[in-house]
Amino acid sequence: MEINPLLVVGIGGVLALALLIIGIATSISSDRALVEERIGKYINREEQEKLRQQAATPLTDWIDRRVVGSSTGDKISKNLARADLKMRPGEYIALMVISAFLTGLILWFI
């Protein structure tokens, strides 16, 4: 049984791309946490929440309105708080849907 070299290169390329994306996401999230920590020293919580609301998108706001008060939304909120992620449940759900769509698109293309 012979292994197709193109298949090996393709799998290696996908793995390299995945590691690159993970590295970028990690560096962005750590930079964001550092910036939020510095901002927290000078701005109170109410002003931080106002800034976060200004940066919100209509999609995540719509999802948040649907999820708030539901058991699923509560579970997601608790898990995000435990993980110390500064995301709302709507942002998390939107991220999961977008990443699933992009993964399917990449796999379909391959």
C-alpha atoms as a PDB file:
ATOM      1  CA  MET A   1       0.000   0.000   0.000  1.00  0.00           C
ATOM      2  CA  GLU A   2       1.493   3.274  -1.138  1.00  0.00           C
ATOM      3  CA  ILE A   3       0.780   6.595   0.583  1.00  0.00           C
ATOM      4  CA  ASN A   4      -0.022   9.476  -1.724  1.00  0.00           C
ATOM      5  CA  PRO A   5       2.583  12.252  -1.129  1.00  0.00           C
ATOM      6  CA  LEU A   6       0.014  14.916  -2.003  1.00  0.00           C
ATOM      7  CA  LEU A   7      -2.183  13.661   0.829  1.00  0.00           C
ATOM      8  CA  VAL A   8       0.701  13.911   3.311  1.00  0.00           C
ATOM      9  CA  VAL A   9       1.523  17.456   2.162  1.00  0.00           C
ATOM     10  CA  GLY A  10      -2.142  18.444   2.370  1.00  0.00           C
ATOM     11  CA  ILE A  11      -2.525  17.105   5.906  1.00  0.00           C
ATOM     12  CA  GLY A  12       0.711  18.819   6.933  1.00  0.00           C
ATOM     13  CA  GLY A  13      -0.505  22.087   5.440  1.00  0.00           C
ATOM     14  CA  VAL A  14      -3.827  21.875   7.289  1.00  0.00           C
ATOM     15  CA  LEU A  15      -2.044  21.142  10.566  1.00  0.00           C
ATOM     16  CA  ALA A  16       0.366  24.032  10.012  1.00  0.00           C
ATOM     17  CA  LEU A  17      -2.547  26.373   9.276  1.00  0.00           C
ATOM     18  CA  ALA A  18      -4.389  25.198  12.400  1.00  0.00           C
ATOM     19  CA  LEU A  19      -1.311  25.792  14.565  1.00  0.00           C
ATOM     20  CA  LEU A  20      -0.872  29.250  13.054  1.00  0.00           C
ATOM     21  CA  ILE A  21      -4.486  30.171  13.813  1.00  0.00           C
ATOM     22  CA  ILE A  22      -4.183  28.851  17.376  1.00  0.00           C
ATOM     23  CA  GLY A  23      -0.998  30.857  17.891  1.00  0.00           C
ATOM     24  CA  ILE A  24      -2.573  34.059  16.606  1.00  0.00           C
ATOM     25  CA  ALA A  25      -5.691  33.558  18.736  1.00  0.00           C
ATOM     26  CA  THR A  26      -3.583  32.909  21.834  1.00  0.00           C
ATOM     27  CA  SER A  27      -1.437  35.981  21.342  1.00  0.00           C
ATOM     28  CA  ILE A  28      -4.449  38.205  20.673  1.00  0.00           C
ATOM     29  CA  SER A  29      -6.322  36.970  23.736  1.00  0.00           C
ATOM     30  CA  SER A  30      -3.295  37.401  26.004  1.00  0.00           C
ATOM     31  CA  ASP A  31      -2.685  40.914  24.663  1.00  0.00           C
ATOM     32  CA  ARG A  32      -6.358  41.775  25.169  1.00  0.00           C
ATOM     33  CA  ALA A  33      -6.277  40.485  28.762  1.00  0.00           C
ATOM     34  CA  LEU A  34      -3.200  42.591  29.484  1.00  0.00           C
ATOM     35  CA  VAL A  35      -4.817  45.696  28.000  1.00  0.00           C
ATOM     36  CA  GLU A  36      -8.057  45.107  29.929  1.00  0.00           C
ATOM     37  CA  GLU A  37      -6.071  44.708  33.140  1.00  0.00           C
ATOM     38  CA  ARG A  38      -4.302  48.017  32.554  1.00  0.00           C
ATOM     39  CA  ILE A  39      -7.544  49.755  31.640  1.00  0.00           C
ATOM     40  CA  GLY A  40      -9.164  48.315  34.775  1.00  0.00           C
ATOM     41  CA  LYS A  41      -6.718  50.287  36.903  1.00  0.00           C
ATOM     42  CA  TYR A  42      -7.947  53.589  35.504  1.00  0.00           C
ATOM     43  CA  ILE A  43     -11.544  52.991  34.452  1.00  0.00           C
ATOM     44  CA  ASN A  44     -14.284  51.691  36.709  1.00  0.00           C
ATOM     45  CA  ARG A  45     -16.470  48.702  35.813  1.00  0.00           C
ATOM     46  CA  GLU A  46     -19.420  50.778  34.576  1.00  0.00           C
ATOM     47  CA  GLU A  47     -17.285  52.578  32.028  1.00  0.00           C
ATOM     48  CA  GLN A  48     -15.758  49.273  30.910  1.00  0.00           C
ATOM     49  CA  GLU A  49     -19.236  47.846  30.333  1.00  0.00           C
ATOM     50  CA  LYS A  50     -20.199  50.932  28.298  1.00  0.00           C
ATOM     51  CA  LEU A  51     -17.099  50.480  26.141  1.00  0.00           C
ATOM     52  CA  ARG A  52     -17.896  46.793  25.658  1.00  0.00           C
ATOM     53  CA  GLN A  53     -21.466  47.593  24.639  1.00  0.00           C
ATOM     54  CA  GLN A  54     -20.236  50.124  22.092  1.00  0.00           C
ATOM     55  CA  ALA A  55     -18.031  47.430  20.537  1.00  0.00           C
ATOM     56  CA  ALA A  56     -20.898  44.928  20.340  1.00  0.00           C
ATOM     57  CA  THR A  57     -22.278  43.815  17.000  1.00  0.00           C
ATOM     58  CA  PRO A  58     -25.952  43.447  16.091  1.00  0.00           C
ATOM     59  CA  LEU A  59     -25.579  39.676  15.567  1.00  0.00           C
ATOM     60  CA  THR A  60     -24.208  39.009  19.052  1.00  0.00           C
ATOM     61  CA  ASP A  61     -26.756  41.389  20.587  1.00  0.00           C
ATOM     62  CA  TRP A  62     -29.575  39.495  18.882  1.00  0.00           C
ATOM     63  CA  ILE A  63     -28.212  36.140  20.060  1.00  0.00           C
ATOM     64  CA  ASP A  64     -27.746  37.521  23.590  1.00  0.00           C
ATOM     65  CA  ARG A  65     -31.394  38.605  23.734  1.00  0.00           C
ATOM     66  CA  ARG A  66     -32.458  35.092  22.714  1.00  0.00           C
ATOM     67  CA  VAL A  67     -30.180  33.319  25.195  1.00  0.00           C
ATOM     68  CA  VAL A  68     -30.468  35.541  28.283  1.00  0.00           C
ATOM     69  CA  GLY A  69     -32.505  33.881  31.001  1.00  0.00           C
ATOM     70  CA  SER A  70     -32.455  30.432  29.420  1.00  0.00           C
ATOM     71  CA  SER A  71     -30.768  27.479  31.070  1.00  0.00           C
ATOM     72  CA  THR A  72     -28.382  27.164  28.125  1.00  0.00           C
ATOM     73  CA  GLY A  73     -27.382  30.808  28.380  1.00  0.00           C
ATOM     74  CA  ASP A  74     -26.822  30.464  32.110  1.00  0.00           C
ATOM     75  CA  LYS A  75     -24.616  27.404  31.615  1.00  0.00           C
ATOM     76  CA  ILE A  76     -22.583  29.150  28.924  1.00  0.00           C
ATOM     77  CA  SER A  77     -22.193  32.249  31.122  1.00  0.00           C
ATOM     78  CA  LYS A  78     -20.986  30.168  34.069  1.00  0.00           C
ATOM     79  CA  ASN A  79     -18.524  28.231  31.925  1.00  0.00           C
ATOM     80  CA  LEU A  80     -17.168  31.415  30.355  1.00  0.00           C
ATOM     81  CA  ALA A  81     -16.759  32.953  33.810  1.00  0.00           C
ATOM     82  CA  ARG A  82     -14.959  29.829  35.064  1.00  0.00           C
ATOM     83  CA  ALA A  83     -12.633  29.974  32.083  1.00  0.00           C
ATOM     84  CA  ASP A  84     -12.041  33.674  32.797  1.00  0.00           C
ATOM     85  CA  LEU A  85     -13.094  34.633  29.279  1.00  0.00           C
ATOM     86  CA  LYS A  86     -14.547  38.076  28.880  1.00  0.00           C
ATOM     87  CA  MET A  87     -17.181  37.030  26.372  1.00  0.00           C
ATOM     88  CA  ARG A  88     -20.932  37.133  26.419  1.00  0.00           C
ATOM     89  CA  PRO A  89     -22.940  34.008  25.597  1.00  0.00           C
ATOM     90  CA  GLY A  90     -24.015  35.550  22.282  1.00  0.00           C
ATOM     91  CA  GLU A  91     -20.421  36.154  21.254  1.00  0.00           C
ATOM     92  CA  TYR A  92     -19.503  32.591  22.199  1.00  0.00           C
ATOM     93  CA  ILE A  93     -22.365  31.067  20.219  1.00  0.00           C
ATOM     94  CA  ALA A  94     -21.597  33.272  17.206  1.00  0.00           C
ATOM     95  CA  LEU A  95     -17.940  32.214  17.393  1.00  0.00           C
ATOM     96  CA  MET A  96     -18.897  28.525  17.494  1.00  0.00           C
ATOM     97  CA  VAL A  97     -21.286  28.849  14.514  1.00  0.00           C
ATOM     98  CA  ILE A  98     -18.772  30.814  12.439  1.00  0.00           C
ATOM     99  CA  SER A  99     -15.927  28.409  13.231  1.00  0.00           C
ATOM    100  CA  ALA A 100     -18.110  25.393  12.365  1.00  0.00           C
ATOM    101  CA  PHE A 101     -19.071  27.030   9.066  1.00  0.00           C
ATOM    102  CA  LEU A 102     -15.448  27.856   8.217  1.00  0.00           C
ATOM    103  CA  THR A 103     -14.281  24.364   9.154  1.00  0.00           C
ATOM    104  CA  GLY A 104     -16.932  22.844   6.900  1.00  0.00           C
ATOM    105  CA  LEU A 105     -15.968  25.192   4.082  1.00  0.00           C
ATOM    106  CA  ILE A 106     -12.287  24.320   4.408  1.00  0.00           C
ATOM    107  CA  LEU A 107     -13.013  20.589   4.521  1.00  0.00           C
ATOM    108  CA  TRP A 108     -15.329  20.864   1.508  1.00  0.00           C
ATOM    109  CA  PHE A 109     -12.602  22.738  -0.389  1.00  0.00           C
ATOM    110  CA  ILE A 110      -9.994  20.091   0.473  1.00  0.00           C
END
